[in-house]
Structure formats: structure tokens, C-alpha cells
Amino acid sequence: MLDASASGISRAAQLLRQGDLVSFPTETVYGLGADARRGDAVAAIYAAKGRPSFNPLIAHVASVEAAKRHVIWNPWAETLARAFWPGPLTLVLPLAPGHGISELVTAGLDTLAVRVPAHPTAQKLLAALDGPVAAPSANPSGRISPTTAQHVMAGLAGRIAAVVADGACGVGVESTIVGLAGEAPVLLRPGGLAAEEIEAVLGQPLATRDLHDPLTAPGQLLSHYAPQERVRLNATSARAGECYLGFGHYSGARACDLSLSTRGDLVEAAANLFGHLHHLDAQGQPIAVAPIPETGLGAAINDRLRRAAAPRDEPSPTPSK
């Protein structure tokens, strides 16, 4: 475990340059980082997570200027980057000639998911490396995403070189992903930035992706973010043997009950989501989850919960270029 001091970040950057894996905090969740230009290092991400190789990764960069080295920029990207970068927004754009990104990052697609994170430690690490870092969430594939260094160690200890520890993540759910490689902007994954805010800046609605379409961006597997035990959604109370994850004015009757936000605050609920799921998962009981409004950050929360509750035996999606 490394701290977020200058020496800790310098050591983390050195490990990345060597091709090692380093977990680091972003404002959304802890990422599992590798130098996105090194195929051997990116392959180690898939091995450590047990992640399907058809599932692309996000490349984290320090600035808009750094992003433009790897993707073909367009006016939509300029508008959204000016409004929301650094921040919890990922843009999917066509790869630029001479992009230098490993094909394992893109899963063979001709587009790249790219983000400028806002977390100061992530920014310092990217500056120290002076290069793109491929970084999915730092957890075994399909499991609950980590929002603390302790979550990372619980899932990946012994499989990675280091974790840069710097407290809990403020947003608590992964970035919103918007595709900008087609005829219109499309919401590929709801996340820590509400779709309504993006649409207001663009001046037009976002198109939506069918859940059964081929994978075009990270975080689109139908079963994902899953606890060990069964998850039941839209539950007004817990059944015998279940823990309850409430929202709003709910007073838990059991020791294992938690509330995402007793005051019904979706921002607080998003920040608590994965941490509370980790806690409840440790109880070894099925989890019943209260209804969550499908507005603002509620869309991202419900997206993660639906994937957490999805059957685990679905066939793997097939990528397309």
C-alpha cells in the first residue's frame, strides 16, 4: 500500500512504467491502472480481474490535450470536455492515426473510451507517468466496484503491485459514458454525471443503447457489479433471511439493514452504493433493495443495481467493430 504523498505517487508511476499494475483513486471508484501503451501490462489487467478480453477499457489522461493525441476530436467532444472535464464523464471517440494505444484497451474496436479524472491523486499520477493509463474498476470482474483502498485489497491482494490509498471516492459510481463516434451522441452507460446535465449542455437529447447491442464501451455486461448472494430489487421490505438496503425514510429492523440515504438524497446514495453493497455482501445473506427514483443519479444507481441482480449465466456478448 502506498500513500498519496509525492514519494508514493512517484513510486506508483515507476511501477506503471515497469509494466506493473497499480490501483489508484478517482472521484468515481478506485481504478486498476496499467500503461495503456503496453500490451503486456494491459493483458495483466484482464488476468488480475478475470475480465473478458472483449470488454474494452477506459484510458485515463491528464488533459484534453493528452486526449487529442489518441482520438479524433469533434465539436461534441469539445463542448462536453469544456463543461465536464476533469470529471466523471467518459467520451468514446474514433482512434486517431498513430494513437499508440494497445489493442487490448479497445478490445479490437476502432474507438477509444477516454476520460480526464478530477481526483487530485489521479491527476498527479497521470502527470508523473506522462502517459495514458488504462484503468477499469479495481475489483474481480463482475463483482462490486471498490470505493476504498480496503475494498481493492479485499478483492485483488496478491495480484497487483500496489494501491495508492487516499480515502473514499466522492462520487461512488463509475463515470457516465457518451459515444461520440456516430451520427448523434449516445448514452452508452449512465454514471456519476446525470444524463440531463449532458443533454442541457449539448442542447439535444442523448440517443440510447439497447442492452443487447454488441459491446462498444466498458461497463455494458448485463451481469456486473454483483454481490455473492442474490439481489432483489424494488423491495418495500425484507423477507426472512434477507438484508435490506433502504432509501429514504426507512428504519431498518435488523442489524444488517442499511440505508443509501435516509433523507432521499441521490448524490449521497450514489456515494454510498458500492460501500454498502460490500458491507451487506459480507453478511452472507441475500439483499433486498428499496425502489430508487429513475431520475438524475438515480438512473446510474438503478443501472448498477439491475446488473447486480441480473442472472449470472448469460451468454457473453459479441463485440463488433
Protein backbone atom coordinates (compact mmCIF):
# COMPACT_ATOMS: atom_id res chain seq x y z
CA MET A 1 0.00 0.00 0.00
CA LEU A 2 1.32 3.44 -1.00
CA ASP A 3 0.17 6.78 0.37
CA ALA A 4 -0.70 9.79 -1.78
CA SER A 5 2.49 11.66 -0.94
CA ALA A 6 4.91 12.78 -3.62
CA SER A 7 7.12 9.78 -2.94
CA GLY A 8 4.17 7.38 -3.05
CA ILE A 9 2.96 8.78 -6.38
CA SER A 10 6.50 8.70 -7.79
CA ARG A 11 6.80 5.04 -6.82
CA ALA A 12 3.39 4.28 -8.38
CA ALA A 13 4.44 5.93 -11.65
CA GLN A 14 7.67 3.94 -11.64
CA LEU A 15 5.72 0.70 -11.23
CA LEU A 16 3.42 1.64 -14.13
CA ARG A 17 6.42 2.37 -16.35
CA GLN A 18 7.75 -1.10 -15.49
CA GLY A 19 4.52 -2.68 -16.71
CA ASP A 20 3.12 -3.39 -13.24
CA LEU A 21 -0.47 -2.89 -12.10
CA VAL A 22 -1.28 -0.07 -9.67
CA SER A 23 -4.67 0.75 -8.19
CA PHE A 24 -5.41 4.43 -7.60
CA PRO A 25 -8.38 6.56 -6.54
CA THR A 26 -10.55 8.59 -8.87
CA GLU A 27 -13.60 10.62 -7.91
CA THR A 28 -15.80 7.72 -9.11
CA VAL A 29 -14.20 4.44 -7.92
CA TYR A 30 -10.69 3.05 -7.45
CA GLY A 31 -9.19 2.09 -10.81
CA LEU A 32 -6.78 -0.73 -11.64
CA GLY A 33 -4.16 1.02 -13.75
CA ALA A 34 -1.68 -0.08 -16.38
CA ASP A 35 0.24 1.86 -19.01
CA ALA A 36 -2.27 1.87 -21.89
CA ARG A 37 0.57 1.77 -24.43
CA ARG A 38 1.92 -1.57 -23.17
CA GLY A 39 0.06 -4.66 -24.31
CA ASP A 40 1.75 -6.85 -21.69
CA ALA A 41 0.66 -4.54 -18.89
CA VAL A 42 -2.92 -4.29 -20.17
CA ALA A 43 -3.08 -8.07 -20.51
CA ALA A 44 -2.19 -8.27 -16.82
CA ILE A 45 -5.33 -6.22 -16.01
CA TYR A 46 -7.53 -8.83 -17.68
CA ALA A 47 -5.68 -11.62 -15.88
CA ALA A 48 -5.86 -9.97 -12.45
CA LYS A 49 -9.57 -9.17 -12.76
CA GLY A 50 -10.59 -12.30 -14.65
CA ARG A 51 -12.14 -9.83 -17.11
CA PRO A 52 -13.36 -10.95 -20.56
CA SER A 53 -10.99 -9.67 -23.24
CA PHE A 54 -13.91 -8.49 -25.39
CA ASN A 55 -14.79 -5.89 -22.74
CA PRO A 56 -12.94 -2.61 -23.55
CA LEU A 57 -11.22 -0.36 -21.02
CA ILE A 58 -11.18 3.38 -20.32
CA ALA A 59 -7.95 5.28 -20.95
CA HIS A 60 -7.38 7.94 -18.31
CA VAL A 61 -5.40 11.00 -19.38
CA ALA A 62 -4.32 14.20 -17.68
CA SER A 63 -5.91 16.77 -20.03
CA VAL A 64 -7.86 17.47 -23.19
CA GLU A 65 -4.56 17.98 -24.99
CA ALA A 66 -3.47 14.50 -23.92
CA ALA A 67 -6.78 13.01 -25.11
CA LYS A 68 -6.31 14.54 -28.55
CA ARG A 69 -3.11 12.52 -29.01
CA HIS A 70 -5.17 9.33 -29.08
CA VAL A 71 -8.62 10.15 -30.50
CA ILE A 72 -10.16 12.15 -33.33
CA TRP A 73 -11.73 15.19 -31.69
CA ASN A 74 -15.04 16.72 -32.78
CA PRO A 75 -17.30 19.65 -31.76
CA TRP A 76 -19.44 17.49 -29.45
CA ALA A 77 -16.32 16.39 -27.60
CA GLU A 78 -15.13 19.99 -27.31
CA THR A 79 -18.47 21.08 -25.87
CA LEU A 80 -18.65 18.28 -23.30
CA ALA A 81 -14.98 18.48 -22.31
CA ARG A 82 -15.26 22.22 -21.68
CA ALA A 83 -18.30 21.65 -19.47
CA PHE A 84 -17.39 18.48 -17.57
CA TRP A 85 -13.67 17.68 -17.69
CA PRO A 86 -11.98 16.94 -15.39
CA GLY A 87 -14.88 14.89 -14.05
CA PRO A 88 -16.95 11.69 -14.12
CA LEU A 89 -17.59 11.68 -17.88
CA THR A 90 -16.04 9.29 -20.42
CA LEU A 91 -16.17 10.03 -24.15
CA VAL A 92 -15.94 7.33 -26.82
CA LEU A 93 -14.29 8.67 -29.98
CA PRO A 94 -12.60 7.25 -33.10
CA LEU A 95 -8.96 6.32 -32.66
CA ALA A 96 -6.51 8.81 -34.14
CA PRO A 97 -3.79 7.72 -36.56
CA GLY A 98 -0.67 6.81 -34.61
CA HIS A 99 -2.67 6.68 -31.36
CA GLY A 100 -0.19 4.35 -29.66
CA ILE A 101 -2.86 2.60 -27.57
CA SER A 102 -2.71 -1.17 -27.12
CA GLU A 103 -5.46 -3.05 -28.98
CA LEU A 104 -6.25 -4.80 -25.71
CA VAL A 105 -7.52 -1.47 -24.33
CA THR A 106 -10.03 -1.08 -27.17
CA ALA A 107 -10.86 -4.81 -27.37
CA GLY A 108 -10.19 -4.57 -31.10
CA LEU A 109 -12.67 -1.75 -31.69
CA ASP A 110 -11.79 1.33 -33.75
CA THR A 111 -12.84 3.66 -30.93
CA LEU A 112 -11.35 4.57 -27.55
CA ALA A 113 -13.10 5.42 -24.29
CA VAL A 114 -11.18 8.32 -22.74
CA ARG A 115 -11.57 10.34 -19.54
CA VAL A 116 -9.84 13.13 -17.63
CA PRO A 117 -10.41 12.32 -13.92
CA ALA A 118 -10.83 15.10 -11.38
CA HIS A 119 -9.32 13.39 -8.32
CA PRO A 120 -6.10 15.21 -7.35
CA THR A 121 -4.20 11.96 -6.75
CA ALA A 122 -5.23 10.58 -10.14
CA GLN A 123 -4.14 13.82 -11.76
CA LYS A 124 -0.75 13.72 -10.04
CA LEU A 125 -0.20 10.10 -11.04
CA LEU A 126 -1.07 10.77 -14.69
CA ALA A 127 1.27 13.77 -14.72
CA ALA A 128 4.08 11.72 -13.16
CA LEU A 129 3.67 8.96 -15.73
CA ASP A 130 3.13 11.43 -18.61
CA GLY A 131 1.02 8.92 -20.49
CA PRO A 132 -2.40 7.25 -20.72
CA VAL A 133 -3.46 4.78 -18.03
CA ALA A 134 -5.98 2.05 -18.83
CA ALA A 135 -8.00 1.56 -15.68
CA PRO A 136 -11.19 -0.41 -15.11
CA SER A 137 -12.54 -0.65 -11.58
CA ALA A 138 -10.09 -2.41 -9.25
CA ASN A 139 -12.14 -5.47 -8.39
CA PRO A 140 -12.56 -9.03 -9.70
CA SER A 141 -14.63 -8.89 -12.89
CA GLY A 142 -18.37 -8.74 -12.30
CA ARG A 143 -18.05 -8.05 -8.59
CA ILE A 144 -18.86 -4.92 -6.57
CA SER A 145 -16.73 -1.92 -7.53
CA PRO A 146 -14.28 -0.57 -4.91
CA THR A 147 -14.62 2.86 -3.33
CA THR A 148 -11.83 2.45 -0.75
CA ALA A 149 -8.31 1.01 -0.81
CA GLN A 150 -9.51 -1.67 1.60
CA HIS A 151 -12.10 -2.84 -0.96
CA VAL A 152 -9.30 -3.14 -3.52
CA MET A 153 -7.11 -5.22 -1.24
CA ALA A 154 -10.00 -7.49 -0.29
CA GLY A 155 -10.50 -8.43 -3.93
CA LEU A 156 -7.07 -8.17 -5.56
CA ALA A 157 -4.40 -8.62 -2.86
CA GLY A 158 -1.51 -10.64 -4.28
CA ARG A 159 -2.50 -9.92 -7.89
CA ILE A 160 -1.29 -6.31 -8.21
CA ALA A 161 1.87 -4.39 -7.37
CA ALA A 162 0.41 -1.58 -5.25
CA VAL A 163 -2.57 0.52 -4.20
CA VAL A 164 -2.30 4.28 -3.78
CA ALA A 165 -4.58 4.85 -0.79
CA ASP A 166 -6.33 8.20 -0.49
CA GLY A 167 -9.64 7.80 1.30
CA ALA A 168 -13.08 7.03 -0.05
CA CYS A 169 -14.24 8.06 -3.53
CA GLY A 170 -16.60 11.03 -3.51
CA VAL A 171 -18.93 10.17 -6.42
CA GLY A 172 -19.11 6.46 -5.71
CA VAL A 173 -20.35 5.13 -9.09
CA GLU A 174 -18.44 4.84 -12.35
CA SER A 175 -18.32 7.59 -14.95
CA THR A 176 -21.11 8.28 -17.40
CA ILE A 177 -20.09 7.12 -20.90
CA VAL A 178 -21.21 9.01 -24.02
CA GLY A 179 -20.48 7.73 -27.52
CA LEU A 180 -19.45 10.43 -29.99
CA ALA A 181 -18.30 8.29 -32.92
CA GLY A 182 -21.64 8.13 -34.74
CA GLU A 183 -24.28 10.44 -36.18
CA ALA A 184 -25.52 11.60 -32.77
CA PRO A 185 -24.33 11.48 -29.15
CA VAL A 186 -25.48 8.28 -27.45
CA LEU A 187 -25.63 7.37 -23.77
CA LEU A 188 -23.62 4.15 -23.53
CA ARG A 189 -23.62 3.89 -19.73
CA PRO A 190 -25.31 6.06 -17.09
CA GLY A 191 -22.97 7.09 -14.31
CA GLY A 192 -21.74 9.81 -11.97
CA LEU A 193 -22.85 12.66 -14.24
CA ALA A 194 -26.60 12.85 -14.84
CA ALA A 195 -27.74 12.49 -18.46
CA GLU A 196 -29.96 15.53 -18.02
CA GLU A 197 -26.90 17.72 -17.38
CA ILE A 198 -25.22 16.43 -20.52
CA GLU A 199 -28.32 16.99 -22.63
CA ALA A 200 -28.65 20.54 -21.33
CA VAL A 201 -25.11 21.36 -22.46
CA LEU A 202 -25.50 19.64 -25.84
CA GLY A 203 -28.90 21.23 -26.45
CA GLN A 204 -30.31 17.89 -27.62
CA PRO A 205 -31.38 14.55 -26.14
CA LEU A 206 -28.96 11.66 -25.95
CA ALA A 207 -29.74 8.59 -28.01
CA THR A 208 -29.80 5.35 -26.01
CA ARG A 209 -28.21 1.96 -26.49
CA ASP A 210 -30.15 -1.30 -26.42
CA LEU A 211 -28.81 -3.51 -23.63
CA HIS A 212 -28.44 -6.42 -26.07
CA ASP A 213 -26.39 -4.48 -28.63
CA PRO A 214 -22.73 -5.54 -29.05
CA LEU A 215 -20.28 -4.05 -26.54
CA THR A 216 -18.95 -0.65 -27.57
CA ALA A 217 -17.73 0.68 -24.19
CA PRO A 218 -16.80 -0.51 -20.70
CA GLY A 219 -19.45 -1.46 -18.13
CA GLN A 220 -22.04 -2.85 -20.56
CA LEU A 221 -22.07 -6.52 -19.50
CA LEU A 222 -25.59 -7.49 -18.47
CA SER A 223 -24.40 -9.13 -15.24
CA HIS A 224 -21.95 -6.88 -13.43
CA TYR A 225 -21.26 -5.20 -10.04
CA ALA A 226 -22.63 -8.33 -8.37
CA PRO A 227 -22.52 -9.43 -4.70
CA GLN A 228 -22.07 -13.12 -3.92
CA GLU A 229 -25.69 -13.51 -2.87
CA ARG A 230 -28.92 -12.84 -4.76
CA VAL A 231 -30.14 -9.23 -5.10
CA ARG A 232 -33.88 -8.44 -5.18
CA LEU A 233 -34.91 -5.01 -6.46
CA ASN A 234 -37.83 -2.65 -5.77
CA ALA A 235 -38.49 -4.29 -2.43
CA THR A 236 -40.60 -2.39 0.11
CA SER A 237 -39.33 -4.61 2.93
CA ALA A 238 -37.01 -7.54 3.54
CA ARG A 239 -38.14 -11.14 3.53
CA ALA A 240 -36.93 -13.67 6.10
CA GLY A 241 -33.18 -14.19 5.74
CA GLU A 242 -32.57 -11.03 3.67
CA CYS A 243 -30.67 -7.86 4.49
CA TYR A 244 -32.39 -4.65 3.42
CA LEU A 245 -30.80 -1.75 1.56
CA GLY A 246 -33.20 1.13 2.05
CA PHE A 247 -33.62 4.58 0.55
CA GLY A 248 -35.40 7.50 2.16
CA HIS A 249 -37.39 7.30 5.37
CA TYR A 250 -36.76 3.69 6.33
CA SER A 251 -35.68 2.44 9.74
CA GLY A 252 -34.01 -0.97 9.44
CA ALA A 253 -35.33 -3.69 11.73
CA ARG A 254 -32.22 -5.89 11.54
CA ALA A 255 -28.60 -5.28 12.39
CA CYS A 256 -27.60 -5.88 8.77
CA ASP A 257 -30.01 -3.27 7.32
CA LEU A 258 -28.59 -0.08 5.83
CA SER A 259 -29.93 2.99 4.03
CA LEU A 260 -28.35 4.53 0.96
CA SER A 261 -29.68 7.89 2.14
CA THR A 262 -32.20 8.37 4.93
CA ARG A 263 -33.07 11.81 3.52
CA GLY A 264 -33.60 10.50 -0.01
CA ASP A 265 -30.56 12.28 -1.47
CA LEU A 266 -29.46 10.61 -4.73
CA VAL A 267 -25.96 12.11 -4.57
CA GLU A 268 -25.46 10.61 -1.10
CA ALA A 269 -26.99 7.34 -2.29
CA ALA A 270 -24.58 7.08 -5.23
CA ALA A 271 -21.60 7.73 -2.96
CA ASN A 272 -22.78 5.01 -0.55
CA LEU A 273 -23.89 2.40 -3.09
CA PHE A 274 -20.83 0.19 -3.52
CA GLY A 275 -19.60 0.60 0.04
CA HIS A 276 -22.98 -0.50 1.41
CA LEU A 277 -23.13 -3.43 -1.04
CA HIS A 278 -19.66 -4.52 0.11
CA HIS A 279 -20.83 -4.38 3.74
CA LEU A 280 -24.03 -6.30 3.08
CA ASP A 281 -22.25 -8.85 0.89
CA ALA A 282 -20.02 -9.69 3.85
CA GLN A 283 -23.11 -10.75 5.83
CA GLY A 284 -23.60 -13.76 3.55
CA GLN A 285 -27.34 -13.16 3.06
CA PRO A 286 -29.47 -12.19 0.05
CA ILE A 287 -30.04 -8.44 -0.32
CA ALA A 288 -33.38 -6.70 -0.86
CA VAL A 289 -33.14 -3.16 -2.24
CA ALA A 290 -35.71 -0.38 -1.91
CA PRO A 291 -37.08 1.37 -5.02
CA ILE A 292 -34.80 4.17 -6.28
CA PRO A 293 -36.18 7.07 -8.36
CA GLU A 294 -35.18 6.84 -12.04
CA THR A 295 -34.11 10.49 -12.22
CA GLY A 296 -30.72 12.23 -12.12
CA LEU A 297 -28.10 9.98 -10.49
CA GLY A 298 -30.90 7.51 -9.78
CA ALA A 299 -30.50 6.28 -13.37
CA ALA A 300 -26.89 5.28 -12.68
CA ILE A 301 -27.77 3.70 -9.32
CA ASN A 302 -30.57 1.65 -10.89
CA ASP A 303 -28.33 0.63 -13.78
CA ARG A 304 -25.75 -0.80 -11.34
CA LEU A 305 -28.45 -2.47 -9.26
CA ARG A 306 -30.11 -4.10 -12.29
CA ARG A 307 -26.75 -5.51 -13.37
CA ALA A 308 -26.04 -6.68 -9.82
CA ALA A 309 -29.37 -8.52 -9.80
CA ALA A 310 -29.05 -9.99 -13.33
CA PRO A 311 -28.72 -13.77 -13.83
CA ARG A 312 -25.08 -14.88 -13.77
CA ASP A 313 -25.32 -17.46 -16.56
CA GLU A 314 -25.97 -15.18 -19.54
CA PRO A 315 -24.02 -15.83 -22.76
CA SER A 316 -21.12 -13.46 -23.40
CA PRO A 317 -21.90 -10.59 -25.78
CA THR A 318 -20.00 -10.46 -29.07
CA PRO A 319 -18.01 -7.36 -29.98
CA SER A 320 -18.19 -5.66 -33.36
CA LYS A 321 -16.02 -3.01 -34.95
